[in-house]
Amino acid sequence: MKKTKIVTTIGPSSKDRIILEDMILNGMDVARFNMKYASLDFCKDVITRIKEIDKELKTNTSILMELEGPLVTTHNFEEGQVFLKQNDKIRIYMDKVLGDKTKFSVSYKNLIDDVKTNTLIKVNGDVELRVLEKKDDSIICEVIKEGIVVNDSKVNVIDTKLNMPFITKKDKKCIEFACEENIDYIGLSMVTNSEDILSVNDLLIEYNNDHIEIITKIEKIEAIDELDEIIKVSDGIIIDRESLGIEVPPERIPSIVRTTINKCHLQSKISVIITEMESDNESIKPTKTEISDIANVIADGVDAVVLTGETTIGKYPVGTVNTMKKILEASEIDVNYNEFIDKAMRTENNDITGTIAYSVVEAAERLRCIAIVIPTMNGYTAKKISRYRPRCPIIALTPNPDTAKSLGMFYGICPILIEDVKSFDMMTKISRNIIDKKFNVTENDKIIITGGYPFKEVKHTNFMKIEEL
């Protein structure tokens, strides 16, 4: 059973019911919607299908809606794209025009007010423009690095703070929809500081939603400078190396990735990374380099990996999820679990739940237990134990559907819905039955059951029991 979670971006290739069901059966834990491309109607239809599938399969697929954020893009070009040649001059208009090799327009009308002479602008990731002068209605730039620019290309203004509101009208509608559907995670794009995250948190409070967790994407250089505060006010972090590489020298990216994963681990926050398994969307065979890259982030202790184009427009979304599952399972064999246990122990709070969590994971490692079973109402103990990165899976048993789905992105946790349990003996019996169904149990295999007892009456973990099967 893999422990690292798979976040699968849903698109035209993966929206149909049979594909969604097969992806869930092959290891998809979280369905992700990129709201730059997805409509609310599309999300509604897919979420309805996933809920139906979960009910039939008795699975708990979490939903992540990633907001577009205060994004600046180009408008359209003649023939859909244009090649901008080095040393050529080009005008960027604030009012909408059809672009060509001499001009284009952008979605942010106040760009002309925010940039200065010599400001560097990157378009479509690779094409670089330098501001020469500003006119009344346009910015005149020189092409520093040539390349192709397509319709709706992303525009990055380097080392410049844009005076755009963080929550756009489109994003606010998406947040309202997320609350109506009671999805599990909202992903924030284009974050530059902790205030951006707090503004979304305030909106969730206004909508009276305490279920949705906030996952912040790290893709701006300003976010790196504010990383500690951003992690502190987020529930988790998504690292987007491709977008980050537009603003940060590529040689810095590996260090930023390791540092961010480590900081998340120390603060008990989810860490997620967008993987690069897109060498060929026509195929499901990743390169050796891509496999090594995934193995490295697993060794660093990431909670989840994200599939993007491979499952939105690729021909083999189910095969891609299955391939990722196999890579994760193979990579997890070589994780230094003792190192994670030691690091978590040294930074854990000196409270009852934290102390028992450490004892449970240490005992599970020493006794080579096949699972840790946790009856839980809110998922707190399961999340705490996940931080210790036990070698065996964490089976979280809960009667609360919201709790089950909130655990979808945490390392090692397998949430299972059960009926309300009244006694400890009943919990032990249920635990043993579930383990028998999920594992090839052999004589003398052991599990650890831990939680708070009496159920619903205590607010902290206060017991651990070792069961020999």
Protein backbone atom coordinates (compact mmCIF):
# COMPACT_ATOMS: atom_id res chain seq x y z
CA MET A 1 0.00 0.00 0.00
CA LYS A 2 1.53 3.31 -1.07
CA LYS A 3 1.77 6.08 1.50
CA THR A 4 2.52 9.13 -0.66
CA LYS A 5 -0.72 10.56 -2.04
CA ILE A 6 -1.52 11.10 -5.73
CA VAL A 7 -3.26 14.34 -6.69
CA THR A 8 -4.70 14.01 -10.20
CA THR A 9 -5.68 17.03 -12.27
CA ILE A 10 -9.00 16.47 -14.02
CA GLY A 11 -9.48 17.53 -17.65
CA PRO A 12 -10.96 16.36 -20.95
CA SER A 13 -9.04 13.06 -20.81
CA SER A 14 -10.19 12.13 -17.31
CA LYS A 15 -13.69 13.58 -16.81
CA ASP A 16 -15.73 10.53 -17.79
CA ARG A 17 -17.13 8.29 -15.08
CA ILE A 18 -15.36 5.09 -16.08
CA ILE A 19 -11.98 6.90 -16.22
CA LEU A 20 -12.55 8.53 -12.83
CA GLU A 21 -13.47 5.19 -11.29
CA ASP A 22 -10.41 3.48 -12.75
CA MET A 23 -8.12 6.28 -11.54
CA ILE A 24 -9.54 5.97 -8.01
CA LEU A 25 -9.03 2.20 -8.09
CA ASN A 26 -5.46 2.69 -9.34
CA GLY A 27 -4.38 5.11 -6.63
CA MET A 28 -5.86 8.58 -7.11
CA ASP A 29 -6.42 10.14 -3.68
CA VAL A 30 -7.29 13.74 -4.61
CA ALA A 31 -9.04 15.16 -7.67
CA ARG A 32 -7.63 18.58 -8.61
CA PHE A 33 -9.32 21.27 -10.68
CA ASN A 34 -7.13 23.99 -12.21
CA MET A 35 -9.54 26.92 -12.38
CA LYS A 36 -7.49 28.67 -15.04
CA TYR A 37 -8.98 26.11 -17.43
CA ALA A 38 -11.95 24.48 -15.67
CA SER A 39 -15.45 25.98 -15.50
CA LEU A 40 -17.71 25.71 -12.46
CA ASP A 41 -20.17 23.63 -14.48
CA PHE A 42 -17.36 21.22 -15.36
CA CYS A 43 -16.36 20.98 -11.68
CA LYS A 44 -19.95 20.42 -10.59
CA ASP A 45 -20.42 17.53 -13.04
CA VAL A 46 -17.16 15.81 -12.11
CA ILE A 47 -17.65 16.26 -8.36
CA THR A 48 -21.10 14.68 -8.67
CA ARG A 49 -19.59 11.69 -10.49
CA ILE A 50 -16.84 11.30 -7.89
CA LYS A 51 -19.36 11.36 -5.04
CA GLU A 52 -21.38 8.63 -6.77
CA ILE A 53 -18.25 6.53 -7.32
CA ASP A 54 -17.12 6.98 -3.71
CA LYS A 55 -20.50 5.82 -2.47
CA GLU A 56 -20.32 2.68 -4.61
CA LEU A 57 -16.67 1.84 -3.94
CA LYS A 58 -16.70 3.01 -0.30
CA THR A 59 -13.75 5.28 -1.04
CA ASN A 60 -13.09 8.85 0.12
CA THR A 61 -11.70 10.94 -2.74
CA SER A 62 -10.77 14.46 -1.69
CA ILE A 63 -11.35 17.50 -3.90
CA LEU A 64 -8.81 20.29 -4.47
CA MET A 65 -9.84 23.43 -6.34
CA GLU A 66 -6.84 25.52 -7.34
CA LEU A 67 -7.74 29.16 -7.95
CA GLU A 68 -6.34 31.11 -10.88
CA GLY A 69 -5.20 33.97 -8.67
CA PRO A 70 -4.27 37.50 -9.76
CA LEU A 71 -2.81 36.25 -13.04
CA VAL A 72 -1.71 38.50 -15.91
CA THR A 73 -2.06 36.97 -19.38
CA THR A 74 -1.81 38.06 -22.98
CA HIS A 75 -4.83 38.37 -25.21
CA ASN A 76 -5.05 36.51 -28.54
CA PHE A 77 -2.67 36.58 -31.49
CA GLU A 78 -3.15 36.24 -35.22
CA GLU A 79 -3.09 32.51 -36.01
CA GLY A 80 -3.02 31.78 -32.26
CA GLN A 81 0.68 32.51 -31.73
CA VAL A 82 3.62 34.66 -32.80
CA PHE A 83 7.41 34.40 -32.84
CA LEU A 84 9.11 37.35 -31.14
CA LYS A 85 12.62 37.86 -32.52
CA GLN A 86 15.57 39.00 -30.42
CA ASN A 87 16.32 42.76 -30.55
CA ASP A 88 12.94 43.55 -32.12
CA LYS A 89 10.75 46.22 -30.54
CA ILE A 90 7.21 45.36 -29.44
CA ARG A 91 4.36 47.33 -27.89
CA ILE A 92 2.24 46.02 -25.03
CA TYR A 93 -1.18 47.66 -25.08
CA MET A 94 -3.50 48.00 -22.10
CA ASP A 95 -6.63 47.96 -24.29
CA LYS A 96 -7.44 44.75 -26.12
CA VAL A 97 -5.85 44.34 -29.57
CA LEU A 98 -5.17 41.34 -31.80
CA GLY A 99 -1.50 40.53 -31.30
CA ASP A 100 1.20 40.11 -33.96
CA LYS A 101 4.99 40.39 -34.15
CA THR A 102 4.85 44.12 -33.34
CA LYS A 103 2.24 44.29 -30.60
CA PHE A 104 -0.02 42.47 -28.13
CA SER A 105 -2.25 43.36 -25.19
CA VAL A 106 -2.58 42.07 -21.63
CA SER A 107 -5.42 41.34 -19.21
CA TYR A 108 -4.16 43.78 -16.55
CA LYS A 109 -4.91 47.37 -17.58
CA ASN A 110 -2.76 48.97 -14.87
CA LEU A 111 0.45 47.19 -15.89
CA ILE A 112 1.65 50.44 -17.44
CA ASP A 113 1.47 52.13 -14.02
CA ASP A 114 3.38 49.39 -12.17
CA VAL A 115 6.39 48.85 -14.44
CA LYS A 116 9.42 51.11 -14.82
CA THR A 117 12.13 51.55 -17.41
CA ASN A 118 14.37 48.43 -17.54
CA THR A 119 11.72 46.25 -15.83
CA LEU A 120 12.06 42.65 -17.07
CA ILE A 121 8.88 40.98 -18.32
CA LYS A 122 8.70 37.25 -19.10
CA VAL A 123 5.98 35.93 -21.40
CA ASN A 124 5.05 32.27 -21.78
CA GLY A 125 7.86 31.32 -19.41
CA ASP A 126 10.80 31.77 -21.77
CA VAL A 127 10.40 34.95 -23.83
CA GLU A 128 12.03 37.93 -22.15
CA LEU A 129 11.20 41.60 -22.77
CA ARG A 130 12.83 44.69 -21.26
CA VAL A 131 10.83 47.91 -20.84
CA LEU A 132 12.34 50.78 -22.85
CA GLU A 133 9.71 53.49 -22.36
CA LYS A 134 6.05 54.09 -21.50
CA LYS A 135 3.55 55.86 -23.75
CA ASP A 136 0.01 56.99 -22.90
CA ASP A 137 -1.59 53.70 -23.98
CA SER A 138 1.27 51.22 -24.26
CA ILE A 139 4.66 50.00 -23.08
CA ILE A 140 7.50 49.78 -25.59
CA CYS A 141 9.81 46.81 -24.98
CA GLU A 142 12.85 45.21 -26.54
CA VAL A 143 12.95 41.44 -27.03
CA ILE A 144 15.91 40.20 -24.97
CA LYS A 145 15.25 36.48 -25.39
CA GLU A 146 13.28 35.37 -28.43
CA GLY A 147 10.65 32.69 -28.65
CA ILE A 148 7.03 31.78 -29.31
CA VAL A 149 4.15 33.45 -27.49
CA VAL A 150 0.67 31.87 -27.72
CA ASN A 151 -2.86 32.99 -26.87
CA ASP A 152 -3.45 33.49 -23.15
CA SER A 153 0.26 33.27 -22.27
CA LYS A 154 1.22 33.91 -18.66
CA VAL A 155 2.98 37.23 -18.06
CA ASN A 156 5.51 37.50 -15.20
CA VAL A 157 6.82 40.91 -14.19
CA ILE A 158 10.13 40.30 -12.45
CA ASP A 159 11.00 42.07 -9.17
CA THR A 160 7.89 44.24 -9.41
CA LYS A 161 4.89 44.32 -7.09
CA LEU A 162 1.68 44.54 -9.09
CA ASN A 163 -1.15 46.51 -7.48
CA MET A 164 -3.79 43.87 -8.15
CA PRO A 165 -6.31 42.66 -5.55
CA PHE A 166 -5.38 39.13 -4.51
CA ILE A 167 -8.95 37.80 -4.56
CA THR A 168 -10.33 38.40 -8.04
CA LYS A 169 -14.04 38.34 -8.91
CA LYS A 170 -13.54 34.98 -10.59
CA ASP A 171 -11.75 33.55 -7.55
CA LYS A 172 -14.48 34.78 -5.20
CA LYS A 173 -17.11 32.93 -7.27
CA CYS A 174 -14.94 29.81 -7.09
CA ILE A 175 -14.63 30.11 -3.31
CA GLU A 176 -18.41 30.49 -2.99
CA PHE A 177 -18.83 27.37 -5.12
CA ALA A 178 -16.25 25.49 -3.04
CA CYS A 179 -18.20 26.30 0.13
CA GLU A 180 -21.51 25.26 -1.44
CA GLU A 181 -19.99 21.92 -2.51
CA ASN A 182 -18.03 21.63 0.77
CA ILE A 183 -14.88 20.61 -1.07
CA ASP A 184 -11.80 19.75 0.97
CA TYR A 185 -8.93 21.95 -0.22
CA ILE A 186 -8.55 25.32 -1.91
CA GLY A 187 -5.24 25.96 -3.67
CA LEU A 188 -4.00 29.55 -3.83
CA SER A 189 -1.95 30.72 -6.81
CA MET A 190 0.30 33.80 -7.22
CA VAL A 191 0.74 34.23 -3.45
CA THR A 192 3.36 36.76 -2.38
CA ASN A 193 2.83 37.05 1.38
CA SER A 194 0.86 35.71 4.35
CA GLU A 195 -1.77 38.47 4.04
CA ASP A 196 -2.94 36.93 0.76
CA ILE A 197 -3.71 33.66 2.58
CA LEU A 198 -5.35 35.36 5.54
CA SER A 199 -7.69 37.24 3.19
CA VAL A 200 -8.98 33.92 1.84
CA ASN A 201 -9.24 32.50 5.36
CA ASP A 202 -11.34 35.52 6.36
CA LEU A 203 -13.64 34.84 3.42
CA LEU A 204 -14.08 31.21 4.50
CA ILE A 205 -14.98 32.42 7.99
CA GLU A 206 -17.48 34.82 6.44
CA TYR A 207 -19.04 31.87 4.59
CA ASN A 208 -19.07 29.89 7.86
CA ASN A 209 -16.91 27.08 6.45
CA ASP A 210 -14.40 25.50 8.84
CA HIS A 211 -13.84 22.36 6.76
CA ILE A 212 -11.93 23.64 3.72
CA GLU A 213 -8.15 23.71 4.15
CA ILE A 214 -5.89 26.18 2.36
CA ILE A 215 -2.99 24.88 0.28
CA THR A 216 -0.65 27.63 -0.92
CA LYS A 217 1.28 27.33 -4.17
CA ILE A 218 4.88 28.53 -4.10
CA GLU A 219 5.64 30.01 -7.53
CA LYS A 220 6.65 33.64 -6.89
CA ILE A 221 10.07 34.85 -5.74
CA GLU A 222 8.35 37.05 -3.15
CA ALA A 223 6.85 33.91 -1.59
CA ILE A 224 10.33 32.47 -1.02
CA ASP A 225 11.29 35.53 1.02
CA GLU A 226 8.12 35.11 3.15
CA LEU A 227 8.18 31.31 3.26
CA ASP A 228 8.10 30.81 7.05
CA GLU A 229 5.08 33.08 7.55
CA ILE A 230 3.30 31.62 4.52
CA ILE A 231 3.70 28.08 5.85
CA LYS A 232 2.57 29.20 9.30
CA VAL A 233 -0.83 30.46 8.09
CA SER A 234 -1.39 27.74 5.46
CA ASP A 235 -2.58 24.17 5.92
CA GLY A 236 -0.15 23.01 3.28
CA ILE A 237 2.17 24.02 0.45
CA ILE A 238 2.29 23.10 -3.24
CA ILE A 239 5.69 23.60 -4.85
CA ASP A 240 5.42 24.48 -8.56
CA ARG A 241 8.98 24.17 -9.85
CA GLU A 242 8.14 25.08 -13.43
CA SER A 243 6.43 28.36 -12.53
CA LEU A 244 8.99 29.14 -9.83
CA GLY A 245 11.78 28.62 -12.37
CA ILE A 246 10.51 31.62 -14.35
CA GLU A 247 11.44 33.98 -11.53
CA VAL A 248 14.19 32.05 -9.72
CA PRO A 249 17.51 30.81 -11.16
CA PRO A 250 17.08 27.07 -11.94
CA GLU A 251 20.10 26.10 -9.84
CA ARG A 252 18.25 27.32 -6.73
CA ILE A 253 15.16 25.17 -7.27
CA PRO A 254 16.39 21.86 -5.72
CA SER A 255 17.45 23.63 -2.54
CA ILE A 256 14.14 25.51 -2.32
CA VAL A 257 12.23 22.25 -2.74
CA ARG A 258 14.14 20.45 0.04
CA THR A 259 13.95 23.46 2.37
CA THR A 260 10.21 23.88 1.84
CA ILE A 261 9.42 20.20 2.41
CA ASN A 262 11.53 20.23 5.58
CA LYS A 263 9.90 23.42 6.91
CA CYS A 264 6.45 21.95 6.26
CA HIS A 265 7.41 18.78 8.10
CA LEU A 266 8.68 20.74 11.10
CA GLN A 267 5.47 22.81 11.22
CA SER A 268 3.19 19.76 10.73
CA LYS A 269 1.92 21.09 7.40
CA ILE A 270 1.20 19.20 4.16
CA SER A 271 3.88 19.38 1.47
CA VAL A 272 2.93 18.72 -2.15
CA ILE A 273 5.00 18.88 -5.31
CA ILE A 274 3.97 19.10 -8.94
CA THR A 275 5.88 16.31 -10.65
CA GLU A 276 7.41 16.26 -14.09
CA MET A 277 6.22 13.09 -15.74
CA GLU A 278 5.23 14.77 -18.99
CA SER A 279 8.04 13.69 -21.30
CA ASP A 280 5.42 12.35 -23.68
CA ASN A 281 1.69 12.72 -23.15
CA GLU A 282 1.23 10.07 -25.81
CA SER A 283 2.94 7.51 -23.57
CA ILE A 284 2.80 6.22 -19.99
CA LYS A 285 6.51 5.41 -19.77
CA PRO A 286 8.42 8.07 -17.78
CA THR A 287 12.13 8.63 -18.34
CA LYS A 288 14.78 7.47 -15.84
CA THR A 289 15.38 11.12 -14.94
CA GLU A 290 11.72 11.65 -14.13
CA ILE A 291 11.60 8.51 -11.98
CA SER A 292 14.73 9.62 -10.10
CA ASP A 293 13.21 13.06 -9.56
CA ILE A 294 10.08 11.54 -8.01
CA ALA A 295 12.17 9.19 -5.85
CA ASN A 296 14.19 12.15 -4.54
CA VAL A 297 11.15 14.11 -3.32
CA ILE A 298 9.77 10.94 -1.70
CA ALA A 299 13.08 10.57 0.17
CA ASP A 300 12.73 14.22 1.26
CA GLY A 301 9.37 13.35 2.86
CA VAL A 302 6.77 14.98 0.62
CA ASP A 303 3.12 14.16 1.42
CA ALA A 304 1.72 14.15 -2.11
CA VAL A 305 2.62 14.47 -5.78
CA VAL A 306 0.53 16.17 -8.48
CA LEU A 307 -0.13 14.91 -12.01
CA THR A 308 -1.09 17.67 -14.46
CA GLY A 309 -1.05 17.41 -18.26
CA GLU A 310 -0.62 13.64 -18.15
CA THR A 311 -4.19 13.26 -16.85
CA THR A 312 -5.87 16.35 -18.31
CA ILE A 313 -4.93 15.94 -21.99
CA GLY A 314 -2.74 12.81 -22.03
CA LYS A 315 -4.02 9.69 -23.76
CA TYR A 316 -3.52 7.37 -20.79
CA PRO A 317 -4.72 8.99 -17.54
CA VAL A 318 -5.44 5.68 -15.80
CA GLY A 319 -2.14 4.15 -16.88
CA THR A 320 -0.30 7.26 -15.72
CA VAL A 321 -1.85 7.06 -12.23
CA ASN A 322 -0.98 3.37 -12.05
CA THR A 323 2.60 4.06 -13.15
CA MET A 324 2.95 6.79 -10.53
CA LYS A 325 1.62 4.42 -7.88
CA LYS A 326 4.29 1.85 -8.76
CA ILE A 327 7.05 4.49 -8.64
CA LEU A 328 5.86 5.70 -5.24
CA GLU A 329 5.64 2.20 -3.76
CA ALA A 330 9.16 1.37 -5.00
CA SER A 331 10.58 4.69 -3.75
CA GLU A 332 9.02 4.35 -0.30
CA ILE A 333 10.97 1.15 0.36
CA ASP A 334 14.21 3.13 0.67
CA VAL A 335 12.94 6.04 2.77
CA ASN A 336 14.96 6.61 5.95
CA TYR A 337 11.98 6.26 8.30
CA ASN A 338 14.09 6.35 11.47
CA GLU A 339 15.41 9.77 10.49
CA PHE A 340 11.89 11.16 10.15
CA ILE A 341 10.80 9.64 13.46
CA ASP A 342 13.81 11.18 15.20
CA LYS A 343 13.32 14.61 13.63
CA ALA A 344 9.61 14.69 14.47
CA MET A 345 10.28 13.54 18.03
CA ARG A 346 12.84 16.30 18.62
CA THR A 347 10.42 19.00 17.47
CA GLU A 348 7.16 17.61 18.89
CA ASN A 349 5.15 19.42 21.56
CA ASN A 350 5.42 17.96 25.05
CA ASP A 351 1.75 17.04 25.28
CA ILE A 352 -0.08 13.73 25.77
CA THR A 353 -1.08 13.21 22.12
CA GLY A 354 2.38 14.02 20.81
CA THR A 355 4.07 11.73 23.32
CA ILE A 356 1.75 8.80 22.60
CA ALA A 357 2.08 9.41 18.84
CA TYR A 358 5.84 9.03 19.14
CA SER A 359 5.48 5.90 21.28
CA VAL A 360 3.05 4.38 18.78
CA VAL A 361 5.31 4.95 15.78
CA GLU A 362 8.44 3.79 17.62
CA ALA A 363 6.64 0.61 18.76
CA ALA A 364 5.27 0.02 15.26
CA GLU A 365 8.82 0.28 13.87
CA ARG A 366 10.36 -2.01 16.50
CA LEU A 367 7.61 -4.63 16.22
CA ARG A 368 7.32 -4.33 12.41
CA CYS A 369 3.56 -3.78 12.73
CA ILE A 370 1.61 -4.04 9.48
CA ALA A 371 -0.65 -1.07 10.36
CA ILE A 372 -1.51 1.61 12.90
CA VAL A 373 -5.28 1.90 13.42
CA ILE A 374 -6.78 5.13 14.75
CA PRO A 375 -10.45 5.68 15.62
CA THR A 376 -10.89 9.43 15.20
CA MET A 377 -13.59 12.08 15.03
CA ASN A 378 -11.57 15.03 13.73
CA GLY A 379 -8.41 13.39 12.34
CA TYR A 380 -6.05 15.17 14.74
CA THR A 381 -4.23 12.07 16.01
CA ALA A 382 -3.91 10.60 12.52
CA LYS A 383 -2.32 13.83 11.27
CA LYS A 384 0.02 13.88 14.24
CA ILE A 385 1.18 10.32 13.58
CA SER A 386 1.54 11.04 9.85
CA ARG A 387 4.19 13.62 10.74
CA TYR A 388 6.37 10.83 12.17
CA ARG A 389 6.29 9.04 8.78
CA PRO A 390 5.77 5.46 10.08
CA ARG A 391 6.84 2.65 7.78
CA CYS A 392 3.39 1.03 7.98
CA PRO A 393 0.12 2.61 6.80
CA ILE A 394 -2.13 4.58 9.14
CA ILE A 395 -5.74 3.37 9.03
CA ALA A 396 -7.98 6.23 10.19
CA LEU A 397 -11.47 5.00 11.14
CA THR A 398 -14.09 7.71 11.41
CA PRO A 399 -17.89 8.07 11.29
CA ASN A 400 -17.44 11.63 9.96
CA PRO A 401 -17.33 11.94 6.12
CA ASP A 402 -15.74 15.41 6.31
CA THR A 403 -12.93 14.03 8.46
CA ALA A 404 -12.32 11.15 6.06
CA LYS A 405 -11.97 13.52 3.09
CA SER A 406 -9.84 16.03 5.02
CA LEU A 407 -7.17 13.33 5.43
CA GLY A 408 -6.79 12.71 1.70
CA MET A 409 -3.50 14.57 1.27
CA PHE A 410 -1.68 13.42 4.41
CA TYR A 411 1.18 10.94 4.05
CA GLY A 412 0.40 7.37 4.98
CA ILE A 413 -3.22 7.89 6.09
CA CYS A 414 -5.91 5.62 4.67
CA PRO A 415 -9.29 7.04 5.81
CA ILE A 416 -12.20 4.62 6.16
CA LEU A 417 -15.79 5.48 7.06
CA ILE A 418 -17.35 3.34 9.78
CA GLU A 419 -20.50 3.36 11.86
CA ASP A 420 -20.37 5.09 15.22
CA VAL A 421 -18.59 2.87 17.77
CA LYS A 422 -19.81 2.59 21.35
CA SER A 423 -17.26 0.32 23.01
CA PHE A 424 -13.55 -0.46 22.93
CA ASP A 425 -14.21 -4.15 22.23
CA MET A 426 -16.30 -3.21 19.20
CA MET A 427 -13.50 -0.94 17.93
CA THR A 428 -10.97 -3.75 18.31
CA LYS A 429 -13.23 -6.13 16.39
CA ILE A 430 -13.82 -3.60 13.58
CA SER A 431 -10.10 -2.87 13.37
CA ARG A 432 -9.21 -6.54 13.01
CA ASN A 433 -11.88 -7.10 10.36
CA ILE A 434 -10.67 -4.16 8.27
CA ILE A 435 -7.05 -5.27 8.50
CA ASP A 436 -8.04 -8.79 7.43
CA LYS A 437 -9.71 -7.37 4.32
CA LYS A 438 -6.96 -4.91 3.37
CA PHE A 439 -3.82 -6.94 4.08
CA ASN A 440 -2.52 -10.44 3.49
CA VAL A 441 -2.36 -11.18 7.19
CA THR A 442 -0.05 -13.94 8.37
CA GLU A 443 0.26 -15.55 11.78
CA ASN A 444 1.80 -13.30 14.46
CA ASP A 445 1.33 -10.10 12.42
CA LYS A 446 0.73 -7.13 14.71
CA ILE A 447 -1.21 -3.87 14.61
CA ILE A 448 -1.37 -0.97 17.02
CA ILE A 449 -4.70 0.63 17.89
CA THR A 450 -4.50 4.13 19.36
CA GLY A 451 -6.82 7.03 20.07
CA GLY A 452 -8.86 8.67 22.78
CA TYR A 453 -11.16 6.66 25.05
CA PRO A 454 -14.00 6.96 26.02
CA PHE A 455 -14.85 7.85 22.42
CA LYS A 456 -16.25 11.41 21.97
CA GLU A 457 -15.57 12.18 25.63
CA VAL A 458 -11.85 12.95 25.55
CA LYS A 459 -10.08 15.51 23.39
CA HIS A 460 -6.65 13.89 23.30
CA THR A 461 -5.07 10.53 22.59
CA ASN A 462 -4.72 8.51 25.79
CA PHE A 463 -4.18 4.85 24.87
CA MET A 464 -2.30 2.47 22.60
CA LYS A 465 -3.00 -1.26 22.30
CA ILE A 466 -0.91 -3.85 20.47
CA GLU A 467 -2.96 -6.57 18.83
CA GLU A 468 -1.38 -9.81 17.60
CA LEU A 469 -3.40 -11.23 14.71
